Amino acid sequence: MSTRRAIAASLGRIVLAAAKVLAATGLCVLGLWAWMAFAPVCRFDQVEWMRYGRRVPDGEVCVRDVDVRRIELDGRDCLELFALKDGLPIGEHCPAPGAR
């Protein structure tokens, strides 16, 4: 009889441990869902995109709202970050003078 009790107690502990693991996993999934549901879509505050040039204005810049195009500035090939909504430039990135 004591062997059965030991096995039952052991199974009870295994079931309790499994229930704790499932509960912890459920809480993690719930927390992740809440973070994704309530966190802001844009998470880029005051991005400094250029090495030489203007800085992106304060506020949020969403990756889906901007694009990059090639421009020539002072005889150098540069990249310009611009807003898709109106095509206005946000900033430019040019290689350092003397760089290839």
N, C-alpha and C. Protein backbone atom coordinates (compact mmCIF):
# COMPACT_ATOMS: atom_id res chain seq x y z
N MET A 1 0.80 -1.19 0.00
CA MET A 1 0.00 0.00 0.00
C MET A 1 0.85 1.27 0.00
N SER A 2 1.98 1.25 0.67
CA SER A 2 2.80 2.45 0.73
C SER A 2 3.41 2.78 -0.63
N THR A 3 3.62 1.74 -1.44
CA THR A 3 4.16 1.97 -2.77
C THR A 3 3.14 2.72 -3.63
N ARG A 4 1.88 2.36 -3.50
CA ARG A 4 0.82 3.04 -4.24
C ARG A 4 0.70 4.49 -3.81
N ARG A 5 0.82 4.72 -2.53
CA ARG A 5 0.74 6.09 -2.02
C ARG A 5 1.93 6.92 -2.53
N ALA A 6 3.10 6.32 -2.56
CA ALA A 6 4.28 7.03 -3.05
C ALA A 6 4.13 7.36 -4.54
N ILE A 7 3.58 6.41 -5.30
CA ILE A 7 3.37 6.65 -6.73
C ILE A 7 2.31 7.73 -6.92
N ALA A 8 1.23 7.68 -6.16
CA ALA A 8 0.18 8.68 -6.26
C ALA A 8 0.70 10.06 -5.88
N ALA A 9 1.50 10.13 -4.83
CA ALA A 9 2.08 11.41 -4.42
C ALA A 9 3.02 11.94 -5.48
N SER A 10 3.80 11.05 -6.08
CA SER A 10 4.73 11.44 -7.13
C SER A 10 3.97 11.95 -8.35
N LEU A 11 2.91 11.27 -8.73
CA LEU A 11 2.09 11.71 -9.86
C LEU A 11 1.42 13.05 -9.54
N GLY A 12 0.99 13.20 -8.31
CA GLY A 12 0.38 14.47 -7.91
C GLY A 12 1.35 15.63 -8.04
N ARG A 13 2.60 15.40 -7.66
CA ARG A 13 3.62 16.44 -7.79
C ARG A 13 3.91 16.75 -9.25
N ILE A 14 3.93 15.72 -10.08
CA ILE A 14 4.17 15.93 -11.52
C ILE A 14 3.03 16.73 -12.13
N VAL A 15 1.80 16.39 -11.79
CA VAL A 15 0.64 17.11 -12.32
C VAL A 15 0.67 18.57 -11.84
N LEU A 16 1.01 18.78 -10.58
CA LEU A 16 1.08 20.14 -10.04
C LEU A 16 2.18 20.94 -10.74
N ALA A 17 3.33 20.34 -10.99
CA ALA A 17 4.42 21.02 -11.69
C ALA A 17 4.01 21.35 -13.13
N ALA A 18 3.33 20.43 -13.80
CA ALA A 18 2.88 20.68 -15.16
C ALA A 18 1.85 21.82 -15.18
N ALA A 19 0.97 21.85 -14.19
CA ALA A 19 -0.03 22.92 -14.11
C ALA A 19 0.65 24.27 -13.90
N LYS A 20 1.70 24.32 -13.09
CA LYS A 20 2.43 25.57 -12.87
C LYS A 20 3.12 26.03 -14.15
N VAL A 21 3.72 25.10 -14.88
CA VAL A 21 4.38 25.45 -16.14
C VAL A 21 3.36 25.98 -17.14
N LEU A 22 2.21 25.33 -17.24
CA LEU A 22 1.17 25.79 -18.17
C LEU A 22 0.64 27.16 -17.76
N ALA A 23 0.47 27.39 -16.47
CA ALA A 23 -0.02 28.68 -16.00
C ALA A 23 1.01 29.78 -16.30
N ALA A 24 2.28 29.51 -16.07
CA ALA A 24 3.32 30.49 -16.36
C ALA A 24 3.39 30.79 -17.85
N THR A 25 3.29 29.77 -18.67
CA THR A 25 3.28 29.97 -20.13
C THR A 25 2.09 30.79 -20.55
N GLY A 26 0.93 30.50 -19.98
CA GLY A 26 -0.27 31.27 -20.30
C GLY A 26 -0.13 32.73 -19.92
N LEU A 27 0.46 33.00 -18.76
CA LEU A 27 0.68 34.39 -18.35
C LEU A 27 1.65 35.11 -19.28
N CYS A 28 2.69 34.40 -19.72
CA CYS A 28 3.64 35.01 -20.66
C CYS A 28 2.96 35.33 -21.99
N VAL A 29 2.16 34.42 -22.49
CA VAL A 29 1.45 34.66 -23.75
C VAL A 29 0.46 35.80 -23.59
N LEU A 30 -0.24 35.86 -22.48
CA LEU A 30 -1.17 36.95 -22.23
C LEU A 30 -0.44 38.28 -22.14
N GLY A 31 0.69 38.32 -21.46
CA GLY A 31 1.49 39.54 -21.37
C GLY A 31 2.00 39.99 -22.73
N LEU A 32 2.46 39.06 -23.55
CA LEU A 32 2.92 39.39 -24.89
C LEU A 32 1.78 39.92 -25.74
N TRP A 33 0.62 39.30 -25.65
CA TRP A 33 -0.55 39.79 -26.39
C TRP A 33 -0.92 41.20 -25.95
N ALA A 34 -0.94 41.46 -24.65
CA ALA A 34 -1.28 42.79 -24.14
C ALA A 34 -0.26 43.82 -24.60
N TRP A 35 1.02 43.47 -24.60
CA TRP A 35 2.05 44.40 -25.05
C TRP A 35 1.86 44.73 -26.53
N MET A 36 1.57 43.72 -27.35
CA MET A 36 1.38 43.94 -28.77
C MET A 36 0.10 44.73 -29.05
N ALA A 37 -0.92 44.53 -28.24
CA ALA A 37 -2.19 45.21 -28.46
C ALA A 37 -2.14 46.67 -28.04
N PHE A 38 -1.42 46.99 -26.99
CA PHE A 38 -1.47 48.34 -26.43
C PHE A 38 -0.21 49.17 -26.65
N ALA A 39 0.86 48.57 -27.13
CA ALA A 39 2.09 49.33 -27.38
C ALA A 39 1.91 50.17 -28.64
N PRO A 40 2.55 51.32 -28.70
CA PRO A 40 2.43 52.14 -29.91
C PRO A 40 3.07 51.45 -31.11
N VAL A 41 2.53 51.75 -32.28
CA VAL A 41 3.03 51.11 -33.50
C VAL A 41 4.43 51.61 -33.83
N CYS A 42 4.67 52.89 -33.64
CA CYS A 42 5.97 53.49 -33.96
C CYS A 42 6.82 53.53 -32.70
N ARG A 43 8.02 53.02 -32.80
CA ARG A 43 8.89 52.98 -31.63
C ARG A 43 10.23 53.65 -31.89
N PHE A 44 10.28 54.59 -32.83
CA PHE A 44 11.53 55.25 -33.18
C PHE A 44 11.43 56.71 -32.77
N ASP A 45 11.96 57.06 -31.61
CA ASP A 45 11.92 58.44 -31.15
C ASP A 45 13.22 59.14 -31.52
N GLN A 46 13.09 60.24 -32.19
CA GLN A 46 14.21 61.11 -32.54
C GLN A 46 15.38 60.31 -33.12
N VAL A 47 15.10 59.71 -34.25
CA VAL A 47 16.10 58.88 -34.92
C VAL A 47 17.19 59.77 -35.51
N GLU A 48 18.44 59.41 -35.25
CA GLU A 48 19.54 60.13 -35.89
C GLU A 48 20.03 59.26 -37.03
N TRP A 49 19.57 59.59 -38.23
CA TRP A 49 19.82 58.74 -39.38
C TRP A 49 21.08 59.13 -40.12
N MET A 50 21.43 60.42 -40.09
CA MET A 50 22.55 60.91 -40.88
C MET A 50 23.82 61.02 -40.05
N ARG A 51 24.95 60.92 -40.72
CA ARG A 51 26.22 61.20 -40.07
C ARG A 51 26.53 62.70 -40.18
N TYR A 52 26.32 63.26 -41.35
CA TYR A 52 26.52 64.69 -41.59
C TYR A 52 25.23 65.23 -42.19
N GLY A 53 24.63 66.18 -41.56
CA GLY A 53 23.41 66.76 -42.11
C GLY A 53 22.39 66.99 -41.02
N ARG A 54 21.16 67.22 -41.46
CA ARG A 54 20.09 67.50 -40.52
C ARG A 54 19.72 66.27 -39.70
N ARG A 55 19.14 66.55 -38.56
CA ARG A 55 18.66 65.49 -37.70
C ARG A 55 17.17 65.34 -37.92
N VAL A 56 16.67 64.11 -37.82
CA VAL A 56 15.24 63.87 -37.99
C VAL A 56 14.50 64.63 -36.90
N PRO A 57 13.41 65.32 -37.23
CA PRO A 57 12.71 66.13 -36.22
C PRO A 57 12.21 65.30 -35.05
N ASP A 58 11.99 66.00 -33.93
CA ASP A 58 11.46 65.31 -32.74
C ASP A 58 10.12 64.67 -33.08
N GLY A 59 9.80 63.65 -32.37
CA GLY A 59 8.54 62.95 -32.61
C GLY A 59 8.82 61.57 -33.13
N GLU A 60 7.78 60.92 -33.53
CA GLU A 60 7.92 59.54 -33.97
C GLU A 60 8.06 59.45 -35.48
N VAL A 61 8.94 58.59 -35.93
CA VAL A 61 9.12 58.30 -37.34
C VAL A 61 8.87 56.81 -37.50
N CYS A 62 7.88 56.47 -38.28
CA CYS A 62 7.56 55.06 -38.51
C CYS A 62 8.23 54.59 -39.79
N VAL A 63 8.78 53.41 -39.76
CA VAL A 63 9.46 52.87 -40.92
C VAL A 63 8.51 52.79 -42.11
N ARG A 64 7.27 52.50 -41.88
CA ARG A 64 6.32 52.38 -42.99
C ARG A 64 5.97 53.73 -43.61
N ASP A 65 6.33 54.83 -42.98
CA ASP A 65 6.00 56.17 -43.47
C ASP A 65 7.12 56.85 -44.23
N VAL A 66 8.30 56.21 -44.33
CA VAL A 66 9.44 56.84 -44.98
C VAL A 66 10.06 55.89 -46.00
N ASP A 67 10.84 56.47 -46.90
CA ASP A 67 11.58 55.68 -47.88
C ASP A 67 12.90 56.40 -48.15
N VAL A 68 13.75 55.77 -48.93
CA VAL A 68 15.08 56.30 -49.22
C VAL A 68 15.23 56.43 -50.73
N ARG A 69 15.84 57.54 -51.17
CA ARG A 69 16.14 57.72 -52.60
C ARG A 69 17.56 58.27 -52.73
N ARG A 70 18.16 58.01 -53.90
CA ARG A 70 19.52 58.50 -54.18
C ARG A 70 19.43 59.94 -54.66
N ILE A 71 20.34 60.77 -54.16
CA ILE A 71 20.44 62.15 -54.61
C ILE A 71 21.90 62.50 -54.78
N GLU A 72 22.18 63.60 -55.48
CA GLU A 72 23.54 64.10 -55.58
C GLU A 72 23.60 65.41 -54.82
N LEU A 73 24.51 65.48 -53.86
CA LEU A 73 24.64 66.65 -53.01
C LEU A 73 26.11 67.05 -52.95
N ASP A 74 26.42 68.25 -53.40
CA ASP A 74 27.80 68.75 -53.44
C ASP A 74 28.73 67.81 -54.20
N GLY A 75 28.23 67.23 -55.29
CA GLY A 75 29.04 66.35 -56.12
C GLY A 75 29.22 64.96 -55.55
N ARG A 76 28.54 64.63 -54.46
CA ARG A 76 28.65 63.29 -53.84
C ARG A 76 27.32 62.56 -54.00
N ASP A 77 27.40 61.26 -54.17
CA ASP A 77 26.19 60.44 -54.19
C ASP A 77 25.74 60.21 -52.76
N CYS A 78 24.53 60.63 -52.46
CA CYS A 78 23.99 60.53 -51.10
C CYS A 78 22.66 59.81 -51.11
N LEU A 79 22.21 59.47 -49.94
CA LEU A 79 20.88 58.90 -49.76
C LEU A 79 20.03 59.91 -49.00
N GLU A 80 18.79 60.03 -49.42
CA GLU A 80 17.88 60.97 -48.77
C GLU A 80 16.71 60.20 -48.18
N LEU A 81 16.42 60.44 -46.94
CA LEU A 81 15.26 59.87 -46.26
C LEU A 81 14.11 60.85 -46.47
N PHE A 82 12.97 60.36 -47.00
CA PHE A 82 11.86 61.25 -47.26
C PHE A 82 10.55 60.63 -46.81
N ALA A 83 9.58 61.50 -46.53
CA ALA A 83 8.26 61.05 -46.08
C ALA A 83 7.44 60.62 -47.29
N LEU A 84 6.77 59.48 -47.19
CA LEU A 84 5.95 58.99 -48.29
C LEU A 84 4.68 59.82 -48.47
N LYS A 85 4.18 60.42 -47.38
CA LYS A 85 2.90 61.12 -47.49
C LYS A 85 2.99 62.36 -48.36
N ASP A 86 4.13 63.07 -48.35
CA ASP A 86 4.23 64.30 -49.13
C ASP A 86 5.53 64.40 -49.94
N GLY A 87 6.42 63.45 -49.82
CA GLY A 87 7.66 63.46 -50.58
C GLY A 87 8.71 64.43 -50.08
N LEU A 88 8.45 65.10 -48.96
CA LEU A 88 9.40 66.06 -48.43
C LEU A 88 10.57 65.34 -47.74
N PRO A 89 11.78 65.87 -47.91
CA PRO A 89 12.94 65.22 -47.30
C PRO A 89 12.94 65.37 -45.78
N ILE A 90 13.40 64.33 -45.12
CA ILE A 90 13.55 64.34 -43.67
C ILE A 90 15.02 64.51 -43.31
N GLY A 91 15.89 63.92 -44.11
CA GLY A 91 17.32 64.04 -43.86
C GLY A 91 18.10 63.36 -44.95
N GLU A 92 19.40 63.54 -44.94
CA GLU A 92 20.25 62.90 -45.93
C GLU A 92 21.46 62.27 -45.25
N HIS A 93 22.02 61.29 -45.95
CA HIS A 93 23.19 60.59 -45.45
C HIS A 93 24.20 60.55 -46.58
N CYS A 94 25.33 61.20 -46.38
CA CYS A 94 26.37 61.25 -47.40
C CYS A 94 27.62 60.59 -46.84
N PRO A 95 28.41 59.96 -47.73
CA PRO A 95 29.68 59.39 -47.25
C PRO A 95 30.60 60.50 -46.80
N ALA A 96 31.48 60.18 -45.92
CA ALA A 96 32.46 61.15 -45.43
C ALA A 96 33.32 61.64 -46.60
N PRO A 97 33.76 62.89 -46.57
CA PRO A 97 34.63 63.38 -47.64
C PRO A 97 35.86 62.52 -47.76
N GLY A 98 36.18 62.15 -48.99
CA GLY A 98 37.35 61.31 -49.22
C GLY A 98 37.05 59.82 -49.17
N ALA A 99 35.84 59.45 -48.74
CA ALA A 99 35.47 58.03 -48.69
C ALA A 99 35.08 57.58 -50.09
N ARG A 100 35.26 56.34 -50.36
CA ARG A 100 34.91 55.80 -51.68
C ARG A 100 33.57 55.15 -51.66
